[in-house]
Amino acid sequence: MAGFLAGARVRNRIDALRFRVWVKRALLVIALALLAQYAYQQLAGAA
């Protein structure tokens, strides 16, 4: 919920294109973190 509120405040202050780039980058970071976590679990389970 806090992320939604922060995003709504930021969205009102910057233009749509910059906001879209910011959201895509944030989602990329989250996706990379999830992939890293999955890879770590697979490697730890194989050892």
N, C-alpha and C. Protein backbone atom coordinates (compact mmCIF):
# COMPACT_ATOMS: atom_id res chain seq x y z
N MET A 1 0.82 -1.18 0.00
CA MET A 1 0.00 0.00 0.00
C MET A 1 0.87 1.26 0.00
N ALA A 2 1.96 1.20 0.74
CA ALA A 2 2.86 2.35 0.78
C ALA A 2 3.49 2.60 -0.58
N GLY A 3 3.80 1.51 -1.29
CA GLY A 3 4.36 1.66 -2.64
C GLY A 3 3.38 2.32 -3.58
N PHE A 4 2.12 1.97 -3.46
CA PHE A 4 1.09 2.59 -4.30
C PHE A 4 0.99 4.08 -4.03
N LEU A 5 0.98 4.45 -2.77
CA LEU A 5 0.87 5.86 -2.42
C LEU A 5 2.09 6.65 -2.87
N ALA A 6 3.27 6.06 -2.71
CA ALA A 6 4.49 6.73 -3.16
C ALA A 6 4.48 6.88 -4.68
N GLY A 7 4.04 5.85 -5.38
CA GLY A 7 3.97 5.91 -6.83
C GLY A 7 2.98 6.95 -7.31
N ALA A 8 1.86 7.07 -6.63
CA ALA A 8 0.85 8.06 -7.01
C ALA A 8 1.39 9.48 -6.81
N ARG A 9 2.13 9.70 -5.76
CA ARG A 9 2.70 11.04 -5.53
C ARG A 9 3.75 11.38 -6.57
N VAL A 10 4.61 10.40 -6.88
CA VAL A 10 5.65 10.64 -7.88
C VAL A 10 5.03 10.85 -9.25
N ARG A 11 4.01 10.08 -9.56
CA ARG A 11 3.37 10.17 -10.87
C ARG A 11 2.81 11.55 -11.12
N ASN A 12 2.31 12.19 -10.10
CA ASN A 12 1.74 13.53 -10.25
C ASN A 12 2.80 14.60 -10.45
N ARG A 13 4.04 14.29 -10.13
CA ARG A 13 5.11 15.31 -10.20
C ARG A 13 5.96 15.21 -11.46
N ILE A 14 5.98 14.06 -12.12
CA ILE A 14 6.81 13.91 -13.31
C ILE A 14 5.94 13.52 -14.50
N ASP A 15 6.49 13.68 -15.71
CA ASP A 15 5.69 13.37 -16.90
C ASP A 15 5.54 11.86 -17.05
N ALA A 16 4.59 11.46 -17.88
CA ALA A 16 4.22 10.05 -18.02
C ALA A 16 5.37 9.20 -18.56
N LEU A 17 6.11 9.71 -19.52
CA LEU A 17 7.19 8.93 -20.10
C LEU A 17 8.27 8.61 -19.07
N ARG A 18 8.67 9.60 -18.30
CA ARG A 18 9.69 9.37 -17.26
C ARG A 18 9.17 8.42 -16.18
N PHE A 19 7.91 8.54 -15.82
CA PHE A 19 7.32 7.64 -14.83
C PHE A 19 7.33 6.21 -15.34
N ARG A 20 6.98 6.02 -16.61
CA ARG A 20 6.95 4.69 -17.21
C ARG A 20 8.35 4.06 -17.21
N VAL A 21 9.36 4.85 -17.53
CA VAL A 21 10.74 4.35 -17.51
C VAL A 21 11.12 3.96 -16.08
N TRP A 22 10.75 4.78 -15.11
CA TRP A 22 11.06 4.51 -13.72
C TRP A 22 10.41 3.21 -13.25
N VAL A 23 9.16 3.00 -13.63
CA VAL A 23 8.45 1.78 -13.23
C VAL A 23 9.07 0.56 -13.90
N LYS A 24 9.42 0.66 -15.18
CA LYS A 24 10.05 -0.47 -15.86
C LYS A 24 11.38 -0.84 -15.22
N ARG A 25 12.15 0.15 -14.85
CA ARG A 25 13.43 -0.14 -14.19
C ARG A 25 13.23 -0.78 -12.83
N ALA A 26 12.24 -0.32 -12.09
CA ALA A 26 11.96 -0.91 -10.78
C ALA A 26 11.53 -2.37 -10.95
N LEU A 27 10.69 -2.65 -11.94
CA LEU A 27 10.26 -4.03 -12.19
C LEU A 27 11.41 -4.90 -12.64
N LEU A 28 12.33 -4.34 -13.40
CA LEU A 28 13.51 -5.09 -13.82
C LEU A 28 14.37 -5.48 -12.62
N VAL A 29 14.55 -4.56 -11.70
CA VAL A 29 15.33 -4.85 -10.49
C VAL A 29 14.65 -5.95 -9.67
N ILE A 30 13.34 -5.88 -9.54
CA ILE A 30 12.61 -6.91 -8.80
C ILE A 30 12.74 -8.26 -9.48
N ALA A 31 12.60 -8.29 -10.82
CA ALA A 31 12.72 -9.54 -11.56
C ALA A 31 14.12 -10.14 -11.40
N LEU A 32 15.14 -9.30 -11.48
CA LEU A 32 16.51 -9.80 -11.32
C LEU A 32 16.73 -10.35 -9.91
N ALA A 33 16.17 -9.70 -8.92
CA ALA A 33 16.29 -10.19 -7.54
C ALA A 33 15.61 -11.55 -7.38
N LEU A 34 14.45 -11.71 -8.00
CA LEU A 34 13.75 -12.99 -7.91
C LEU A 34 14.52 -14.09 -8.64
N LEU A 35 15.09 -13.76 -9.80
CA LEU A 35 15.89 -14.75 -10.52
C LEU A 35 17.13 -15.14 -9.72
N ALA A 36 17.77 -14.17 -9.10
CA ALA A 36 18.94 -14.45 -8.29
C ALA A 36 18.56 -15.34 -7.10
N GLN A 37 17.44 -15.07 -6.48
CA GLN A 37 16.99 -15.88 -5.36
C GLN A 37 16.70 -17.31 -5.80
N TYR A 38 16.04 -17.46 -6.95
CA TYR A 38 15.75 -18.79 -7.47
C TYR A 38 17.04 -19.55 -7.78
N ALA A 39 17.98 -18.88 -8.44
CA ALA A 39 19.25 -19.52 -8.79
C ALA A 39 20.00 -19.93 -7.53
N TYR A 40 20.00 -19.09 -6.54
CA TYR A 40 20.69 -19.41 -5.27
C TYR A 40 20.06 -20.64 -4.62
N GLN A 41 18.74 -20.71 -4.61
CA GLN A 41 18.06 -21.85 -4.01
C GLN A 41 18.36 -23.13 -4.77
N GLN A 42 18.43 -23.04 -6.09
CA GLN A 42 18.72 -24.22 -6.90
C GLN A 42 20.15 -24.71 -6.65
N LEU A 43 21.08 -23.77 -6.56
CA LEU A 43 22.47 -24.15 -6.31
C LEU A 43 22.66 -24.68 -4.90
N ALA A 44 21.97 -24.10 -3.94
CA ALA A 44 22.08 -24.57 -2.55
C ALA A 44 21.46 -25.95 -2.39
N GLY A 45 20.39 -26.19 -3.12
CA GLY A 45 19.74 -27.49 -3.04
C GLY A 45 20.54 -28.60 -3.73
N ALA A 46 21.33 -28.24 -4.74
CA ALA A 46 22.12 -29.22 -5.47
C ALA A 46 23.37 -29.63 -4.70
N ALA A 47 23.83 -28.80 -3.79
CA ALA A 47 25.08 -29.08 -3.07
C ALA A 47 24.89 -30.05 -1.95
